[in-house]
Amino acid sequence: MIERLQKIMSERGYCSRRKAEELIQLGQVKVDGKIITELGSQFESDTCVITVGETEIKPKQAGVGFHYIIVNKPLGFITTLSDDQGRKTVDLLVPTAYGRLYPVGRLDINSSGLLIMTDDGEFANLVSHPSSGMEKTYRVTIDGILTPSQRKQLENGVKLDDGMTAPAQVKVISLMEDQSVFEITIHEGKNREVRRMVEALGHNTLSLVRTRIGPLTLGFLPRGAYDDIPLKTVEEMKDTCLYNREHNTYKKDEVAD
């Protein structure tokens, strides 16, 4: 079957489509020995030989399934598989027996909590794309008191440099003079959205922990630990994303953190 190169790379479990597009545009991808830089390039998905650097991206073997896990990302880890600054990467949290798994979406180095990792590029692209409307819940600690009017702003939408945020769900956990703790649930894809919302209200984010993505929750998973996602849940997430894509109008391109 003839497919676009970025889709083939994603289906072979190397990276997400978005990451594949970046690699192609940077001239780091070869097909049958030729460097490819055009995103619209199409090839025979089952037989083309794709390499990135010295690594050959081989098709999935028949009978070999994908892996889907959640990780409770600690602070100090970045959500990439390599870093030229020598910082700790999230692949260090996963046993090598799983093979090459990459993170779905982002959590910055100063954020912690629930992170999905997989070698299923199609699933990663589906879940992380804002048009899928997958809900994400964060437990946020800020300095000072979150006032009723500020809570209403979060719920109705906050004006950021790149536009208004969509309505969010907010649950206040505690209010003290020096800090407040609340949970916020969002479904769109503005980059570092929660932190920027807090900043726009005049507060600093002291702690940001992602506790839920769709049906997946941290529960009692220890920090730095991982767990497999049941295949039934994976299929439910796919169905939800496809339904949301058909029925919502989200058009953002960035991934929330």
Protein backbone atom coordinates (compact mmCIF):
# COMPACT_ATOMS: atom_id res chain seq x y z
CA MET A 1 0.00 0.00 0.00
CA ILE A 2 1.28 3.48 -0.90
CA GLU A 3 1.39 5.77 2.15
CA ARG A 4 2.95 9.07 3.17
CA LEU A 5 6.40 8.68 4.68
CA GLN A 6 5.50 10.20 8.06
CA LYS A 7 2.57 7.79 8.39
CA ILE A 8 4.76 4.80 7.58
CA MET A 9 7.33 5.87 10.20
CA SER A 10 4.56 6.26 12.76
CA GLU A 11 2.95 2.91 11.96
CA ARG A 12 6.33 1.19 12.25
CA GLY A 13 6.50 2.50 15.81
CA TYR A 14 9.51 4.79 15.48
CA CYS A 15 7.90 8.10 16.45
CA SER A 16 4.74 10.14 16.14
CA ARG A 17 3.74 11.64 12.79
CA ARG A 18 4.60 15.10 14.04
CA LYS A 19 8.10 14.03 15.05
CA ALA A 20 8.52 12.19 11.74
CA GLU A 21 7.63 15.37 9.87
CA GLU A 22 10.31 17.26 11.82
CA LEU A 23 12.93 14.63 10.99
CA ILE A 24 11.98 14.66 7.31
CA GLN A 25 12.18 18.44 7.06
CA LEU A 26 15.59 18.36 8.74
CA GLY A 27 16.85 15.97 6.06
CA GLN A 28 17.52 13.17 8.54
CA VAL A 29 15.37 10.51 6.85
CA LYS A 30 16.44 8.31 3.94
CA VAL A 31 14.21 6.01 1.91
CA ASP A 32 15.96 3.37 -0.16
CA GLY A 33 19.20 5.27 0.37
CA LYS A 34 17.87 8.67 -0.76
CA ILE A 35 17.35 11.65 1.57
CA ILE A 36 13.71 12.72 1.61
CA THR A 37 12.68 16.25 2.65
CA GLU A 38 9.21 16.57 1.11
CA LEU A 39 6.38 15.85 3.57
CA GLY A 40 4.06 14.67 0.81
CA SER A 41 6.42 11.93 -0.37
CA GLN A 42 4.74 8.53 -0.65
CA PHE A 43 6.20 5.03 -0.68
CA GLU A 44 5.20 1.40 -0.55
CA SER A 45 4.57 0.95 3.18
CA ASP A 46 5.54 -2.72 3.40
CA THR A 47 8.75 -2.76 1.39
CA CYS A 48 10.49 0.62 1.50
CA VAL A 49 13.75 0.79 3.49
CA ILE A 50 13.70 3.74 5.89
CA THR A 51 16.69 4.89 7.90
CA VAL A 52 17.23 7.73 10.36
CA GLY A 53 20.95 8.15 10.85
CA GLU A 54 22.31 4.64 11.32
CA THR A 55 18.96 3.24 12.51
CA GLU A 56 16.77 1.27 10.13
CA ILE A 57 13.06 1.58 10.86
CA LYS A 58 11.69 -1.85 10.15
CA PRO A 59 8.03 -2.81 9.73
CA LYS A 60 6.29 -4.39 12.70
CA GLN A 61 6.65 -8.15 12.62
CA ALA A 62 3.49 -10.19 12.21
CA GLY A 63 2.15 -11.30 15.57
CA VAL A 64 4.16 -8.73 17.50
CA GLY A 65 1.88 -6.24 19.23
CA PHE A 66 2.37 -2.69 20.35
CA HIS A 67 3.13 -1.65 23.90
CA TYR A 68 1.12 0.88 25.90
CA ILE A 69 2.18 1.98 29.36
CA ILE A 70 1.71 4.83 31.80
CA VAL A 71 4.60 6.33 33.74
CA ASN A 72 4.49 8.53 36.83
CA LYS A 73 7.12 10.99 35.62
CA PRO A 74 9.19 12.52 38.42
CA LEU A 75 10.53 16.05 38.38
CA GLY A 76 13.85 16.48 36.59
CA PHE A 77 13.06 14.20 33.62
CA ILE A 78 12.39 15.53 30.13
CA THR A 79 9.92 13.93 27.73
CA THR A 80 12.32 13.05 24.93
CA LEU A 81 14.48 10.01 24.22
CA SER A 82 17.76 11.92 24.00
CA ASP A 83 19.16 15.23 25.21
CA ASP A 84 22.30 17.04 24.14
CA GLN A 85 22.49 18.70 27.55
CA GLY A 86 22.79 15.39 29.37
CA ARG A 87 19.51 15.68 31.25
CA LYS A 88 17.56 12.61 32.33
CA THR A 89 15.07 11.34 29.74
CA VAL A 90 11.85 9.43 30.34
CA ASP A 91 13.02 6.31 28.51
CA LEU A 92 15.25 5.65 31.53
CA LEU A 93 12.06 4.93 33.50
CA VAL A 94 11.05 2.02 31.25
CA PRO A 95 12.71 -1.44 31.09
CA THR A 96 14.63 -2.06 27.86
CA ALA A 97 12.53 -5.20 27.34
CA TYR A 98 9.75 -2.96 26.03
CA GLY A 99 11.95 -1.79 23.19
CA ARG A 100 11.82 1.79 21.95
CA LEU A 101 8.85 3.57 23.52
CA TYR A 102 8.35 7.28 23.12
CA PRO A 103 6.23 9.73 25.12
CA VAL A 104 2.78 10.88 24.02
CA GLY A 105 2.59 14.63 24.48
CA ARG A 106 4.77 16.54 26.91
CA LEU A 107 5.38 17.25 30.57
CA ASP A 108 8.14 19.76 31.11
CA ILE A 109 11.11 19.15 33.36
CA ASN A 110 9.44 20.97 36.29
CA SER A 111 6.14 19.07 35.97
CA SER A 112 5.39 15.53 37.07
CA GLY A 113 2.69 12.92 36.84
CA LEU A 114 0.90 10.81 34.29
CA LEU A 115 2.66 10.23 30.97
CA ILE A 116 1.71 7.74 28.27
CA MET A 117 4.51 5.92 26.43
CA THR A 118 4.02 3.65 23.44
CA ASP A 119 5.51 2.36 20.20
CA ASP A 120 2.16 2.73 18.42
CA GLY A 121 2.59 5.91 16.41
CA GLU A 122 -1.01 6.03 15.22
CA PHE A 123 -2.31 5.82 18.78
CA ALA A 124 0.15 8.48 19.92
CA ASN A 125 -0.90 10.85 17.16
CA LEU A 126 -4.60 10.24 17.84
CA VAL A 127 -4.43 10.80 21.60
CA SER A 128 -2.10 13.80 21.55
CA HIS A 129 -3.77 15.75 18.76
CA PRO A 130 -6.00 18.56 20.14
CA SER A 131 -8.81 17.67 17.72
CA SER A 132 -9.31 14.46 19.71
CA GLY A 133 -10.38 16.50 22.75
CA MET A 134 -8.88 14.08 25.26
CA GLU A 135 -9.43 15.46 28.77
CA LYS A 136 -6.40 15.98 31.02
CA THR A 137 -6.58 16.76 34.73
CA TYR A 138 -3.82 18.51 36.69
CA ARG A 139 -3.36 19.08 40.41
CA VAL A 140 -1.95 22.59 40.71
CA THR A 141 -0.38 24.41 43.65
CA ILE A 142 0.00 28.19 43.30
CA ASP A 143 1.21 30.96 45.53
CA GLY A 144 -1.42 33.13 47.24
CA ILE A 145 -5.18 32.66 47.30
CA LEU A 146 -7.20 31.65 44.26
CA THR A 147 -10.13 34.04 44.50
CA PRO A 148 -13.70 33.17 43.40
CA SER A 149 -13.38 35.55 40.45
CA GLN A 150 -10.10 33.93 39.36
CA ARG A 151 -11.67 30.50 39.58
CA LYS A 152 -14.49 31.74 37.38
CA GLN A 153 -11.92 33.03 34.89
CA LEU A 154 -10.31 29.61 34.70
CA GLU A 155 -13.69 28.01 34.18
CA ASN A 156 -14.87 30.49 31.53
CA GLY A 157 -11.56 31.05 29.72
CA VAL A 158 -8.37 33.04 30.23
CA LYS A 159 -6.94 35.39 27.62
CA LEU A 160 -3.42 34.31 26.61
CA ASP A 161 -1.08 35.64 23.92
CA ASP A 162 -2.37 33.02 21.49
CA GLY A 163 -6.06 33.50 22.28
CA MET A 164 -8.68 32.57 24.84
CA THR A 165 -8.52 29.20 26.52
CA ALA A 166 -11.53 26.94 26.29
CA PRO A 167 -13.78 26.53 29.35
CA ALA A 168 -12.22 24.32 32.03
CA GLN A 169 -13.45 22.43 35.06
CA VAL A 170 -11.98 23.57 38.39
CA LYS A 171 -12.18 21.91 41.80
CA VAL A 172 -10.64 23.76 44.73
CA ILE A 173 -8.77 21.48 47.16
CA SER A 174 -7.48 24.00 49.70
CA LEU A 175 -7.10 27.75 50.12
CA MET A 176 -4.48 29.23 52.41
CA GLU A 177 -2.94 32.67 52.68
CA ASP A 178 0.37 31.62 51.15
CA GLN A 179 -0.83 29.01 48.66
CA SER A 180 -3.84 27.37 47.03
CA VAL A 181 -4.33 23.88 45.63
CA PHE A 182 -6.88 23.03 42.95
CA GLU A 183 -7.58 20.53 40.18
CA ILE A 184 -8.20 21.72 36.65
CA THR A 185 -9.43 19.69 33.70
CA ILE A 186 -8.75 20.90 30.16
CA HIS A 187 -9.21 19.37 26.72
CA GLU A 188 -7.44 21.65 24.30
CA GLY A 189 -3.81 21.82 23.22
CA LYS A 190 -2.17 25.14 23.98
CA ASN A 191 1.49 24.74 24.89
CA ARG A 192 2.14 24.90 28.69
CA GLU A 193 -1.46 26.01 28.99
CA VAL A 194 -2.06 25.57 32.71
CA ARG A 195 1.11 27.38 33.75
CA ARG A 196 0.30 30.28 31.44
CA MET A 197 -3.27 30.47 32.74
CA VAL A 198 -1.96 30.72 36.30
CA GLU A 199 0.56 33.36 35.29
CA ALA A 200 -2.15 35.39 33.56
CA LEU A 201 -4.05 35.49 36.86
CA GLY A 202 -1.01 36.93 38.62
CA HIS A 203 0.16 33.79 40.41
CA ASN A 204 3.20 31.51 40.23
CA THR A 205 2.86 27.76 39.77
CA LEU A 206 4.59 26.01 42.66
CA SER A 207 3.68 22.46 41.61
CA LEU A 208 1.99 20.90 38.58
CA VAL A 209 1.07 17.21 38.56
CA ARG A 210 -0.91 15.57 35.78
CA THR A 211 -3.26 13.09 37.42
CA ARG A 212 -5.47 11.96 34.55
CA ILE A 213 -5.59 11.54 30.78
CA GLY A 214 -9.03 10.39 29.67
CA PRO A 215 -9.78 7.15 31.56
CA LEU A 216 -6.19 6.77 32.79
CA THR A 217 -5.36 7.94 36.32
CA LEU A 218 -2.23 7.92 38.45
CA GLY A 219 -3.99 6.15 41.31
CA PHE A 220 -1.37 4.82 43.69
CA LEU A 221 1.35 4.38 41.06
CA PRO A 222 4.62 5.37 42.79
CA ARG A 223 6.67 8.20 41.37
CA GLY A 224 9.06 6.87 38.74
CA ALA A 225 7.07 3.65 38.32
CA TYR A 226 5.20 2.36 35.26
CA ASP A 227 2.22 0.12 34.49
CA ASP A 228 0.70 -1.46 31.39
CA ILE A 229 -2.47 0.01 29.93
CA PRO A 230 -5.11 -2.69 29.31
CA LEU A 231 -5.84 -3.17 25.62
CA LYS A 232 -9.55 -2.68 26.33
CA THR A 233 -8.75 0.79 27.65
CA VAL A 234 -6.58 1.54 24.61
CA GLU A 235 -9.50 0.70 22.32
CA GLU A 236 -11.87 2.82 24.42
CA MET A 237 -9.48 5.77 24.13
CA LYS A 238 -9.28 5.36 20.36
CA ASP A 239 -13.06 5.30 20.10
CA THR A 240 -13.37 8.41 22.26
CA CYS A 241 -10.79 10.31 20.23
CA LEU A 242 -12.42 9.41 16.92
CA TYR A 243 -15.84 10.41 18.23
CA ASN A 244 -14.50 13.75 19.49
CA ARG A 245 -12.75 14.44 16.18
CA GLU A 246 -16.03 13.95 14.37
CA HIS A 247 -18.11 16.08 16.74
CA ASN A 248 -15.86 18.91 18.00
CA THR A 249 -14.20 21.91 16.36
CA TYR A 250 -10.80 22.11 18.09
CA LYS A 251 -8.15 23.27 15.64
CA LYS A 252 -5.11 23.94 17.88
CA ASP A 253 -1.74 22.47 16.89
CA GLU A 254 0.26 22.43 20.10
CA VAL A 255 0.33 19.91 22.94
CA ALA A 256 -0.67 20.94 26.43
CA ASP A 257 1.53 20.65 29.49
